[in-house]
Amino acid sequence: MNAGRHRRMTLKSIPRDASASAVDMIRPIGRFFGLVLLAGVVAACASRPVGDFGRAQPGVLHDRMMPATGNFMATQRREPVSNLNQTDQEREMHDRTWRFLVAAHSRDWMFDTAVEMQRTRIGRAQDHRYGPERYYNWLRTTQYQSSRTRYSTVGRHILADLDTVEGTFRAICAVEEVDRQRRVALAELPGIEQSVAANVEARRIENQWHIDWFVRALNYRYSSYAYALDHLLVETPHEQSMAVDESLRRLRPWVDRANRRDFCTTGSTGYRGGTVTIPSRYQTMLIDNEVVEQK
């Protein structure tokens, strides 16, 4: 009884305004840790979005919850975060660059959780930490009926890049033009609020970060293909290496242009072009099951 009276007296002795202030201080902390907990749950589920035929499915988690959590965490890291509506050009750029981001540095050469965490900004950029040996390790541990088929696989992946890289460059060029037009509009319209100008600058930085990510991914793919070809020549030498080397030579000018940030020049690579359906991130296959028959 004495202990009970002591507790009641202690609680009564706390001023009402002091207890309210303490609650006000605790609430933001609780919200923050709640979002951190959500991020942990999201991380555990990040590799889930696949349905029939290995296609990633759109959904609330990956299209709303993860980006919202990522924006909050990016804000806590004092990174620029914009809330402008996405233009058609920006949406196309993200769709076209996606296939270059989800393969070469992943755990099994295709989809990796780290890419989704980076895309939604829940985590910091991780792609610069991966070594080019990952693709070769995936390639050499994948069971094929013929060792020649590994060369065919590398050649097929390079040709897929060649078929899609030109359209990706055009999409990036279009986004750079959108950012330029935004800056021109801000300069010529004096009535625009400073908050809008800050939002425009944040979007420009976000777009540039995404373009830089694509450039790193294209460089990484080229390095991974070259590493794999060199090691295949030592492990299982075959005449198919010449065709792969020629495809790799055709990819090199695009890598050089990307490193110069030259996305708008046309006709400088001598590329013949090609027609191919560009998959969005919802159509990325998890496993390469295609069998290449040798003639």
C-alpha atoms as a PDB file:
ATOM      1  CA  MET A   1       0.000   0.000   0.000  1.00  0.00           C
ATOM      2  CA  ASN A   2       2.792   2.424   0.831  1.00  0.00           C
ATOM      3  CA  ALA A   3       4.499   1.664  -2.475  1.00  0.00           C
ATOM      4  CA  GLY A   4       1.207   2.228  -4.314  1.00  0.00           C
ATOM      5  CA  ARG A   5       0.648   5.590  -2.626  1.00  0.00           C
ATOM      6  CA  HIS A   6       4.230   6.560  -3.440  1.00  0.00           C
ATOM      7  CA  ARG A   7       3.709   5.824  -7.157  1.00  0.00           C
ATOM      8  CA  ARG A   8       0.456   7.821  -7.219  1.00  0.00           C
ATOM      9  CA  MET A   9       2.102  10.750  -5.461  1.00  0.00           C
ATOM     10  CA  THR A  10       5.056  10.653  -7.876  1.00  0.00           C
ATOM     11  CA  LEU A  11       2.783  10.743 -10.907  1.00  0.00           C
ATOM     12  CA  LYS A  12       0.707  13.562  -9.446  1.00  0.00           C
ATOM     13  CA  SER A  13       3.839  15.570  -8.737  1.00  0.00           C
ATOM     14  CA  ILE A  14       4.766  15.727 -12.453  1.00  0.00           C
ATOM     15  CA  PRO A  15       3.454  18.958 -13.976  1.00  0.00           C
ATOM     16  CA  ARG A  16       0.874  18.474 -16.732  1.00  0.00           C
ATOM     17  CA  ASP A  17       2.802  20.628 -19.229  1.00  0.00           C
ATOM     18  CA  ALA A  18       6.027  18.721 -18.569  1.00  0.00           C
ATOM     19  CA  SER A  19       4.401  15.358 -19.276  1.00  0.00           C
ATOM     20  CA  ALA A  20       2.812  16.730 -22.440  1.00  0.00           C
ATOM     21  CA  SER A  21       6.181  18.010 -23.639  1.00  0.00           C
ATOM     22  CA  ALA A  22       7.718  14.600 -23.043  1.00  0.00           C
ATOM     23  CA  VAL A  23       4.968  12.957 -25.094  1.00  0.00           C
ATOM     24  CA  ASP A  24       5.486  15.469 -27.895  1.00  0.00           C
ATOM     25  CA  MET A  25       9.184  14.615 -27.934  1.00  0.00           C
ATOM     26  CA  ILE A  26       8.577  10.877 -27.954  1.00  0.00           C
ATOM     27  CA  ARG A  27       6.045  10.857 -30.818  1.00  0.00           C
ATOM     28  CA  PRO A  28       8.470  11.850 -33.633  1.00  0.00           C
ATOM     29  CA  ILE A  29      10.981   9.334 -32.320  1.00  0.00           C
ATOM     30  CA  GLY A  30       8.298   6.660 -32.360  1.00  0.00           C
ATOM     31  CA  ARG A  31       7.322   7.540 -35.920  1.00  0.00           C
ATOM     32  CA  PHE A  32      10.964   7.398 -37.000  1.00  0.00           C
ATOM     33  CA  PHE A  33      11.581   3.978 -35.471  1.00  0.00           C
ATOM     34  CA  GLY A  34       8.293   2.803 -36.912  1.00  0.00           C
ATOM     35  CA  LEU A  35       9.496   3.729 -40.387  1.00  0.00           C
ATOM     36  CA  VAL A  36      12.846   2.084 -39.726  1.00  0.00           C
ATOM     37  CA  LEU A  37      10.978  -1.072 -38.727  1.00  0.00           C
ATOM     38  CA  LEU A  38       8.901  -0.796 -41.898  1.00  0.00           C
ATOM     39  CA  ALA A  39      12.094  -0.462 -43.916  1.00  0.00           C
ATOM     40  CA  GLY A  40      13.365  -3.665 -42.345  1.00  0.00           C
ATOM     41  CA  VAL A  41      10.163  -5.473 -43.274  1.00  0.00           C
ATOM     42  CA  VAL A  42      10.383  -4.045 -46.781  1.00  0.00           C
ATOM     43  CA  ALA A  43      13.965  -5.216 -47.086  1.00  0.00           C
ATOM     44  CA  ALA A  44      12.918  -8.731 -46.189  1.00  0.00           C
ATOM     45  CA  CYS A  45      10.198  -8.626 -48.849  1.00  0.00           C
ATOM     46  CA  ALA A  46      12.137  -6.743 -51.526  1.00  0.00           C
ATOM     47  CA  SER A  47      12.801  -9.782 -53.690  1.00  0.00           C
ATOM     48  CA  ARG A  48       9.142 -10.863 -53.671  1.00  0.00           C
ATOM     49  CA  PRO A  49       7.573  -9.053 -56.641  1.00  0.00           C
ATOM     50  CA  VAL A  50       7.380 -11.936 -59.106  1.00  0.00           C
ATOM     51  CA  GLY A  51       4.388 -13.641 -60.598  1.00  0.00           C
ATOM     52  CA  ASP A  52       3.742 -15.937 -63.546  1.00  0.00           C
ATOM     53  CA  PHE A  53       6.680 -16.516 -65.909  1.00  0.00           C
ATOM     54  CA  GLY A  54       9.061 -14.849 -63.452  1.00  0.00           C
ATOM     55  CA  ARG A  55       7.708 -11.362 -64.097  1.00  0.00           C
ATOM     56  CA  ALA A  56       7.811  -8.833 -61.292  1.00  0.00           C
ATOM     57  CA  GLN A  57       4.352  -7.630 -60.401  1.00  0.00           C
ATOM     58  CA  PRO A  58       3.361  -4.015 -59.646  1.00  0.00           C
ATOM     59  CA  GLY A  59       1.888  -3.480 -56.221  1.00  0.00           C
ATOM     60  CA  VAL A  60       1.397  -1.136 -53.306  1.00  0.00           C
ATOM     61  CA  LEU A  61       4.530  -2.302 -51.467  1.00  0.00           C
ATOM     62  CA  HIS A  62       7.024  -1.642 -54.256  1.00  0.00           C
ATOM     63  CA  ASP A  63       5.273   1.278 -55.918  1.00  0.00           C
ATOM     64  CA  ARG A  64       4.052   3.255 -52.893  1.00  0.00           C
ATOM     65  CA  MET A  65       5.240   2.008 -49.514  1.00  0.00           C
ATOM     66  CA  MET A  66       8.885   1.484 -50.444  1.00  0.00           C
ATOM     67  CA  PRO A  67       9.281   4.811 -52.304  1.00  0.00           C
ATOM     68  CA  ALA A  68       7.524   6.671 -49.477  1.00  0.00           C
ATOM     69  CA  THR A  69       9.798   5.061 -46.905  1.00  0.00           C
ATOM     70  CA  GLY A  70      12.814   5.719 -49.114  1.00  0.00           C
ATOM     71  CA  ASN A  71      11.942   9.389 -49.510  1.00  0.00           C
ATOM     72  CA  PHE A  72      11.656   9.743 -45.744  1.00  0.00           C
ATOM     73  CA  MET A  73      14.996   8.051 -45.170  1.00  0.00           C
ATOM     74  CA  ALA A  74      16.658  10.099 -47.921  1.00  0.00           C
ATOM     75  CA  THR A  75      15.337  13.242 -46.238  1.00  0.00           C
ATOM     76  CA  GLN A  76      16.831  12.097 -42.936  1.00  0.00           C
ATOM     77  CA  ARG A  77      20.160  11.684 -44.761  1.00  0.00           C
ATOM     78  CA  ARG A  78      19.737  15.286 -45.972  1.00  0.00           C
ATOM     79  CA  GLU A  79      19.598  14.182 -49.602  1.00  0.00           C
ATOM     80  CA  PRO A  80      17.517  16.123 -52.150  1.00  0.00           C
ATOM     81  CA  VAL A  81      13.985  14.763 -52.450  1.00  0.00           C
ATOM     82  CA  SER A  82      11.500  16.149 -54.972  1.00  0.00           C
ATOM     83  CA  ASN A  83       7.738  15.675 -55.192  1.00  0.00           C
ATOM     84  CA  LEU A  84       7.195  16.919 -58.746  1.00  0.00           C
ATOM     85  CA  ASN A  85       4.953  14.847 -60.978  1.00  0.00           C
ATOM     86  CA  GLN A  86       7.000  12.555 -63.187  1.00  0.00           C
ATOM     87  CA  THR A  87       7.093  13.483 -66.881  1.00  0.00           C
ATOM     88  CA  ASP A  88       6.562  10.942 -69.639  1.00  0.00           C
ATOM     89  CA  GLN A  89      10.232  11.312 -70.535  1.00  0.00           C
ATOM     90  CA  GLU A  90      11.356  10.561 -66.984  1.00  0.00           C
ATOM     91  CA  ARG A  91       9.090   7.532 -66.769  1.00  0.00           C
ATOM     92  CA  GLU A  92      10.455   6.172 -70.050  1.00  0.00           C
ATOM     93  CA  MET A  93      14.031   6.724 -68.924  1.00  0.00           C
ATOM     94  CA  HIS A  94      13.412   4.739 -65.739  1.00  0.00           C
ATOM     95  CA  ASP A  95      11.743   1.935 -67.703  1.00  0.00           C
ATOM     96  CA  ARG A  96      14.524   1.733 -70.271  1.00  0.00           C
ATOM     97  CA  THR A  97      17.440   1.937 -67.841  1.00  0.00           C
ATOM     98  CA  TRP A  98      15.953  -0.678 -65.509  1.00  0.00           C
ATOM     99  CA  ARG A  99      17.199  -3.698 -67.464  1.00  0.00           C
ATOM    100  CA  PHE A 100      20.752  -2.369 -67.273  1.00  0.00           C
ATOM    101  CA  LEU A 101      20.564  -1.983 -63.495  1.00  0.00           C
ATOM    102  CA  VAL A 102      19.251  -5.360 -62.395  1.00  0.00           C
ATOM    103  CA  ALA A 103      21.625  -7.838 -63.969  1.00  0.00           C
ATOM    104  CA  ALA A 104      25.375  -7.446 -63.946  1.00  0.00           C
ATOM    105  CA  HIS A 105      25.963  -6.884 -60.261  1.00  0.00           C
ATOM    106  CA  SER A 106      23.276  -9.061 -58.711  1.00  0.00           C
ATOM    107  CA  ARG A 107      23.721 -12.178 -56.633  1.00  0.00           C
ATOM    108  CA  ASP A 108      22.718 -14.496 -59.464  1.00  0.00           C
ATOM    109  CA  TRP A 109      23.222 -12.160 -62.435  1.00  0.00           C
ATOM    110  CA  MET A 110      19.564 -11.217 -62.634  1.00  0.00           C
ATOM    111  CA  PHE A 111      17.292  -9.623 -60.015  1.00  0.00           C
ATOM    112  CA  ASP A 112      18.830  -8.569 -56.711  1.00  0.00           C
ATOM    113  CA  THR A 113      17.254  -7.034 -53.628  1.00  0.00           C
ATOM    114  CA  ALA A 114      19.977  -4.391 -53.408  1.00  0.00           C
ATOM    115  CA  VAL A 115      18.874  -2.844 -56.697  1.00  0.00           C
ATOM    116  CA  GLU A 116      15.299  -2.396 -55.510  1.00  0.00           C
ATOM    117  CA  MET A 117      16.472  -0.915 -52.229  1.00  0.00           C
ATOM    118  CA  GLN A 118      18.681   1.523 -54.129  1.00  0.00           C
ATOM    119  CA  ARG A 119      15.939   2.398 -56.623  1.00  0.00           C
ATOM    120  CA  THR A 120      13.493   3.295 -53.864  1.00  0.00           C
ATOM    121  CA  ARG A 121      16.250   5.119 -51.905  1.00  0.00           C
ATOM    122  CA  ILE A 122      15.735   3.028 -48.794  1.00  0.00           C
ATOM    123  CA  GLY A 123      19.436   2.232 -48.968  1.00  0.00           C
ATOM    124  CA  ARG A 124      22.430   4.096 -50.278  1.00  0.00           C
ATOM    125  CA  ALA A 125      24.022   3.244 -53.627  1.00  0.00           C
ATOM    126  CA  GLN A 126      25.629  -0.201 -53.476  1.00  0.00           C
ATOM    127  CA  ASP A 127      26.399  -0.915 -57.134  1.00  0.00           C
ATOM    128  CA  HIS A 128      29.925   0.529 -57.017  1.00  0.00           C
ATOM    129  CA  ARG A 129      30.975  -2.229 -54.594  1.00  0.00           C
ATOM    130  CA  TYR A 130      30.472  -5.184 -56.932  1.00  0.00           C
ATOM    131  CA  GLY A 131      33.328  -6.836 -58.790  1.00  0.00           C
ATOM    132  CA  PRO A 132      33.176  -8.020 -62.439  1.00  0.00           C
ATOM    133  CA  GLU A 133      33.797 -11.632 -61.426  1.00  0.00           C
ATOM    134  CA  ARG A 134      30.192 -12.073 -60.286  1.00  0.00           C
ATOM    135  CA  TYR A 135      28.860 -12.579 -63.800  1.00  0.00           C
ATOM    136  CA  TYR A 136      31.532 -15.131 -64.633  1.00  0.00           C
ATOM    137  CA  ASN A 137      30.919 -16.991 -61.362  1.00  0.00           C
ATOM    138  CA  TRP A 138      27.221 -17.204 -62.219  1.00  0.00           C
ATOM    139  CA  LEU A 139      28.073 -18.298 -65.758  1.00  0.00           C
ATOM    140  CA  ARG A 140      30.535 -21.047 -64.844  1.00  0.00           C
ATOM    141  CA  THR A 141      28.301 -22.536 -62.136  1.00  0.00           C
ATOM    142  CA  THR A 142      25.235 -22.649 -64.415  1.00  0.00           C
ATOM    143  CA  GLN A 143      24.843 -26.120 -65.854  1.00  0.00           C
ATOM    144  CA  TYR A 144      24.883 -26.282 -69.667  1.00  0.00           C
ATOM    145  CA  GLN A 145      24.985 -29.343 -71.890  1.00  0.00           C
ATOM    146  CA  SER A 146      27.854 -27.856 -73.864  1.00  0.00           C
ATOM    147  CA  SER A 147      30.680 -25.570 -72.778  1.00  0.00           C
ATOM    148  CA  ARG A 148      30.201 -23.661 -76.058  1.00  0.00           C
ATOM    149  CA  THR A 149      26.790 -22.575 -74.822  1.00  0.00           C
ATOM    150  CA  ARG A 150      28.397 -20.268 -72.260  1.00  0.00           C
ATOM    151  CA  TYR A 151      29.908 -18.275 -75.106  1.00  0.00           C
ATOM    152  CA  SER A 152      26.489 -18.136 -76.746  1.00  0.00           C
ATOM    153  CA  THR A 153      24.985 -16.884 -73.494  1.00  0.00           C
ATOM    154  CA  VAL A 154      27.517 -14.067 -73.176  1.00  0.00           C
ATOM    155  CA  GLY A 155      27.010 -13.132 -76.817  1.00  0.00           C
ATOM    156  CA  ARG A 156      23.252 -13.098 -76.382  1.00  0.00           C
ATOM    157  CA  HIS A 157      23.473 -10.793 -73.368  1.00  0.00           C
ATOM    158  CA  ILE A 158      25.763  -8.374 -75.203  1.00  0.00           C
ATOM    159  CA  LEU A 159      23.457  -8.303 -78.239  1.00  0.00           C
ATOM    160  CA  ALA A 160      20.482  -7.597 -75.967  1.00  0.00           C
ATOM    161  CA  ASP A 161      22.384  -4.609 -74.604  1.00  0.00           C
ATOM    162  CA  LEU A 162      23.202  -3.430 -78.116  1.00  0.00           C
ATOM    163  CA  ASP A 163      19.540  -3.708 -79.097  1.00  0.00           C
ATOM    164  CA  THR A 164      18.394  -1.572 -76.169  1.00  0.00           C
ATOM    165  CA  VAL A 165      21.200   0.892 -75.485  1.00  0.00           C
ATOM    166  CA  GLU A 166      20.403   3.272 -78.358  1.00  0.00           C
ATOM    167  CA  GLY A 167      16.812   3.790 -77.187  1.00  0.00           C
ATOM    168  CA  THR A 168      18.069   4.217 -73.623  1.00  0.00           C
ATOM    169  CA  PHE A 169      20.439   6.972 -74.731  1.00  0.00           C
ATOM    170  CA  ARG A 170      17.554   8.749 -76.490  1.00  0.00           C
ATOM    171  CA  ALA A 171      15.416   8.519 -73.346  1.00  0.00           C
ATOM    172  CA  ILE A 172      18.211   9.979 -71.213  1.00  0.00           C
ATOM    173  CA  CYS A 173      18.728  12.780 -73.726  1.00  0.00           C
ATOM    174  CA  ALA A 174      15.021  13.609 -73.533  1.00  0.00           C
ATOM    175  CA  VAL A 175      15.188  13.853 -69.725  1.00  0.00           C
ATOM    176  CA  GLU A 176      18.208  16.149 -69.915  1.00  0.00           C
ATOM    177  CA  GLU A 177      16.169  18.379 -72.220  1.00  0.00           C
ATOM    178  CA  VAL A 178      13.272  18.391 -69.761  1.00  0.00           C
ATOM    179  CA  ASP A 179      15.610  19.511 -66.993  1.00  0.00           C
ATOM    180  CA  ARG A 180      16.954  22.260 -69.265  1.00  0.00           C
ATOM    181  CA  GLN A 181      13.436  23.459 -70.089  1.00  0.00           C
ATOM    182  CA  ARG A 182      12.585  23.588 -66.388  1.00  0.00           C
ATOM    183  CA  ARG A 183      15.585  25.819 -65.738  1.00  0.00           C
ATOM    184  CA  VAL A 184      14.624  28.110 -68.632  1.00  0.00           C
ATOM    185  CA  ALA A 185      11.045  28.374 -67.373  1.00  0.00           C
ATOM    186  CA  LEU A 186      12.247  29.269 -63.887  1.00  0.00           C
ATOM    187  CA  ALA A 187      14.510  31.993 -65.270  1.00  0.00           C
ATOM    188  CA  GLU A 188      11.739  33.532 -67.384  1.00  0.00           C
ATOM    189  CA  LEU A 189       8.893  33.296 -64.869  1.00  0.00           C
ATOM    190  CA  PRO A 190       9.735  35.572 -61.910  1.00  0.00           C
ATOM    191  CA  GLY A 191       6.537  34.744 -60.015  1.00  0.00           C
ATOM    192  CA  ILE A 192       7.516  31.147 -59.281  1.00  0.00           C
ATOM    193  CA  GLU A 193       8.042  30.480 -55.569  1.00  0.00           C
ATOM    194  CA  GLN A 194      11.485  29.633 -54.218  1.00  0.00           C
ATOM    195  CA  SER A 195      10.133  26.335 -52.917  1.00  0.00           C
ATOM    196  CA  VAL A 196       9.260  25.331 -56.483  1.00  0.00           C
ATOM    197  CA  ALA A 197      12.750  26.268 -57.656  1.00  0.00           C
ATOM    198  CA  ALA A 198      14.228  24.109 -54.896  1.00  0.00           C
ATOM    199  CA  ASN A 199      11.955  21.256 -55.965  1.00  0.00           C
ATOM    200  CA  VAL A 200      13.125  21.592 -59.568  1.00  0.00           C
ATOM    201  CA  GLU A 201      16.768  21.489 -58.478  1.00  0.00           C
ATOM    202  CA  ALA A 202      16.097  18.409 -56.356  1.00  0.00           C
ATOM    203  CA  ARG A 203      14.519  16.634 -59.348  1.00  0.00           C
ATOM    204  CA  ARG A 204      17.496  17.599 -61.542  1.00  0.00           C
ATOM    205  CA  ILE A 205      19.867  16.039 -59.020  1.00  0.00           C
ATOM    206  CA  GLU A 206      17.710  12.915 -58.730  1.00  0.00           C
ATOM    207  CA  ASN A 207      17.687  12.526 -62.514  1.00  0.00           C
ATOM    208  CA  GLN A 208      21.443  13.015 -62.652  1.00  0.00           C
ATOM    209  CA  TRP A 209      21.987  10.411 -59.949  1.00  0.00           C
ATOM    210  CA  HIS A 210      19.896   7.942 -61.931  1.00  0.00           C
ATOM    211  CA  ILE A 211      21.845   8.687 -65.119  1.00  0.00           C
ATOM    212  CA  ASP A 212      25.115   8.234 -63.239  1.00  0.00           C
ATOM    213  CA  TRP A 213      23.817   4.877 -61.991  1.00  0.00           C
ATOM    214  CA  PHE A 214      23.101   3.822 -65.571  1.00  0.00           C
ATOM    215  CA  VAL A 215      26.605   4.849 -66.652  1.00  0.00           C
ATOM    216  CA  ARG A 216      28.140   2.785 -63.874  1.00  0.00           C
ATOM    217  CA  ALA A 217      25.914  -0.163 -64.802  1.00  0.00           C
ATOM    218  CA  LEU A 218      26.907   0.009 -68.473  1.00  0.00           C
ATOM    219  CA  ASN A 219      30.583   0.129 -67.541  1.00  0.00           C
ATOM    220  CA  TYR A 220      30.069  -2.751 -65.166  1.00  0.00           C
ATOM    221  CA  ARG A 221      28.363  -4.854 -67.805  1.00  0.00           C
ATOM    222  CA  TYR A 222      31.187  -4.267 -70.260  1.00  0.00           C
ATOM    223  CA  SER A 223      33.791  -5.156 -67.633  1.00  0.00           C
ATOM    224  CA  SER A 224      31.826  -8.256 -66.630  1.00  0.00           C
ATOM    225  CA  TYR A 225      31.543  -9.479 -70.218  1.00  0.00           C
ATOM    226  CA  ALA A 226      35.245  -8.874 -70.847  1.00  0.00           C
ATOM    227  CA  TYR A 227      36.208 -10.645 -67.609  1.00  0.00           C
ATOM    228  CA  ALA A 228      33.998 -13.615 -68.493  1.00  0.00           C
ATOM    229  CA  LEU A 229      35.350 -13.860 -72.044  1.00  0.00           C
ATOM    230  CA  ASP A 230      38.965 -13.792 -70.863  1.00  0.00           C
ATOM    231  CA  HIS A 231      38.354 -16.508 -68.283  1.00  0.00           C
ATOM    232  CA  LEU A 232      36.297 -18.658 -70.637  1.00  0.00           C
ATOM    233  CA  LEU A 233      39.182 -18.553 -73.101  1.00  0.00           C
ATOM    234  CA  VAL A 234      41.386 -20.056 -70.411  1.00  0.00           C
ATOM    235  CA  GLU A 235      38.855 -22.493 -68.996  1.00  0.00           C
ATOM    236  CA  THR A 236      37.053 -23.741 -72.127  1.00  0.00           C
ATOM    237  CA  PRO A 237      38.621 -22.296 -75.303  1.00  0.00           C
ATOM    238  CA  HIS A 238      36.321 -22.434 -78.347  1.00  0.00           C
ATOM    239  CA  GLU A 239      36.051 -20.687 -81.689  1.00  0.00           C
ATOM    240  CA  GLN A 240      32.795 -19.030 -80.535  1.00  0.00           C
ATOM    241  CA  SER A 241      34.956 -16.570 -78.622  1.00  0.00           C
ATOM    242  CA  MET A 242      35.583 -14.570 -81.811  1.00  0.00           C
ATOM    243  CA  ALA A 243      31.904 -13.698 -82.283  1.00  0.00           C
ATOM    244  CA  VAL A 244      31.601 -12.677 -78.636  1.00  0.00           C
ATOM    245  CA  ASP A 245      34.704 -10.518 -78.931  1.00  0.00           C
ATOM    246  CA  GLU A 246      33.247  -8.781 -81.987  1.00  0.00           C
ATOM    247  CA  SER A 247      29.991  -8.037 -80.144  1.00  0.00           C
ATOM    248  CA  LEU A 248      31.996  -6.691 -77.228  1.00  0.00           C
ATOM    249  CA  ARG A 249      33.899  -4.441 -79.616  1.00  0.00           C
ATOM    250  CA  ARG A 250      30.599  -3.015 -80.863  1.00  0.00           C
ATOM    251  CA  LEU A 251      29.495  -2.269 -77.315  1.00  0.00           C
ATOM    252  CA  ARG A 252      32.643  -0.316 -76.457  1.00  0.00           C
ATOM    253  CA  PRO A 253      31.694   2.949 -78.295  1.00  0.00           C
ATOM    254  CA  TRP A 254      28.473   3.147 -76.293  1.00  0.00           C
ATOM    255  CA  VAL A 255      30.435   2.783 -73.064  1.00  0.00           C
ATOM    256  CA  ASP A 256      32.798   5.558 -74.147  1.00  0.00           C
ATOM    257  CA  ARG A 257      29.891   7.838 -75.010  1.00  0.00           C
ATOM    258  CA  ALA A 258      28.231   7.160 -71.684  1.00  0.00           C
ATOM    259  CA  ASN A 259      31.441   8.031 -69.850  1.00  0.00           C
ATOM    260  CA  ARG A 260      31.521  11.349 -71.760  1.00  0.00           C
ATOM    261  CA  ARG A 261      27.834  11.864 -70.891  1.00  0.00           C
ATOM    262  CA  ASP A 262      27.221  12.126 -74.645  1.00  0.00           C
ATOM    263  CA  PHE A 263      23.657  10.846 -74.857  1.00  0.00           C
ATOM    264  CA  CYS A 264      22.300  13.122 -77.568  1.00  0.00           C
ATOM    265  CA  THR A 265      24.758  12.605 -80.443  1.00  0.00           C
ATOM    266  CA  THR A 266      23.340  10.483 -83.260  1.00  0.00           C
ATOM    267  CA  GLY A 267      25.161   8.389 -85.816  1.00  0.00           C
ATOM    268  CA  SER A 268      28.552   8.410 -84.100  1.00  0.00           C
ATOM    269  CA  THR A 269      28.772   4.744 -83.163  1.00  0.00           C
ATOM    270  CA  GLY A 270      28.064   3.059 -86.449  1.00  0.00           C
ATOM    271  CA  TYR A 271      25.435   0.920 -84.751  1.00  0.00           C
ATOM    272  CA  ARG A 272      22.941  -0.663 -87.120  1.00  0.00           C
ATOM    273  CA  GLY A 273      20.070  -0.475 -84.678  1.00  0.00           C
ATOM    274  CA  GLY A 274      17.405  -3.017 -83.914  1.00  0.00           C
ATOM    275  CA  THR A 275      13.817  -3.439 -82.848  1.00  0.00           C
ATOM    276  CA  VAL A 276      13.160  -4.989 -79.476  1.00  0.00           C
ATOM    277  CA  THR A 277      10.499  -4.652 -76.815  1.00  0.00           C
ATOM    278  CA  ILE A 278      11.937  -2.767 -73.836  1.00  0.00           C
ATOM    279  CA  PRO A 279      10.866  -4.447 -70.599  1.00  0.00           C
ATOM    280  CA  SER A 280       9.981  -2.369 -67.599  1.00  0.00           C
ATOM    281  CA  ARG A 281      11.088  -3.427 -64.137  1.00  0.00           C
ATOM    282  CA  TYR A 282       7.869  -5.448 -63.916  1.00  0.00           C
ATOM    283  CA  GLN A 283       9.021  -7.763 -66.695  1.00  0.00           C
ATOM    284  CA  THR A 284      12.483  -8.746 -65.505  1.00  0.00           C
ATOM    285  CA  MET A 285      13.139 -12.467 -65.533  1.00  0.00           C
ATOM    286  CA  LEU A 286      14.739 -13.938 -62.446  1.00  0.00           C
ATOM    287  CA  ILE A 287      16.431 -16.872 -64.136  1.00  0.00           C
ATOM    288  CA  ASP A 288      17.849 -17.262 -67.609  1.00  0.00           C
ATOM    289  CA  ASN A 289      16.352 -20.537 -68.773  1.00  0.00           C
ATOM    290  CA  GLU A 290      16.879 -20.108 -72.489  1.00  0.00           C
ATOM    291  CA  VAL A 291      18.633 -23.032 -74.144  1.00  0.00           C
ATOM    292  CA  VAL A 292      20.888 -22.143 -77.077  1.00  0.00           C
ATOM    293  CA  GLU A 293      21.204 -25.016 -79.495  1.00  0.00           C
ATOM    294  CA  GLN A 294      24.510 -25.486 -81.254  1.00  0.00           C
ATOM    295  CA  LYS A 295      24.510 -26.010 -85.012  1.00  0.00           C
END
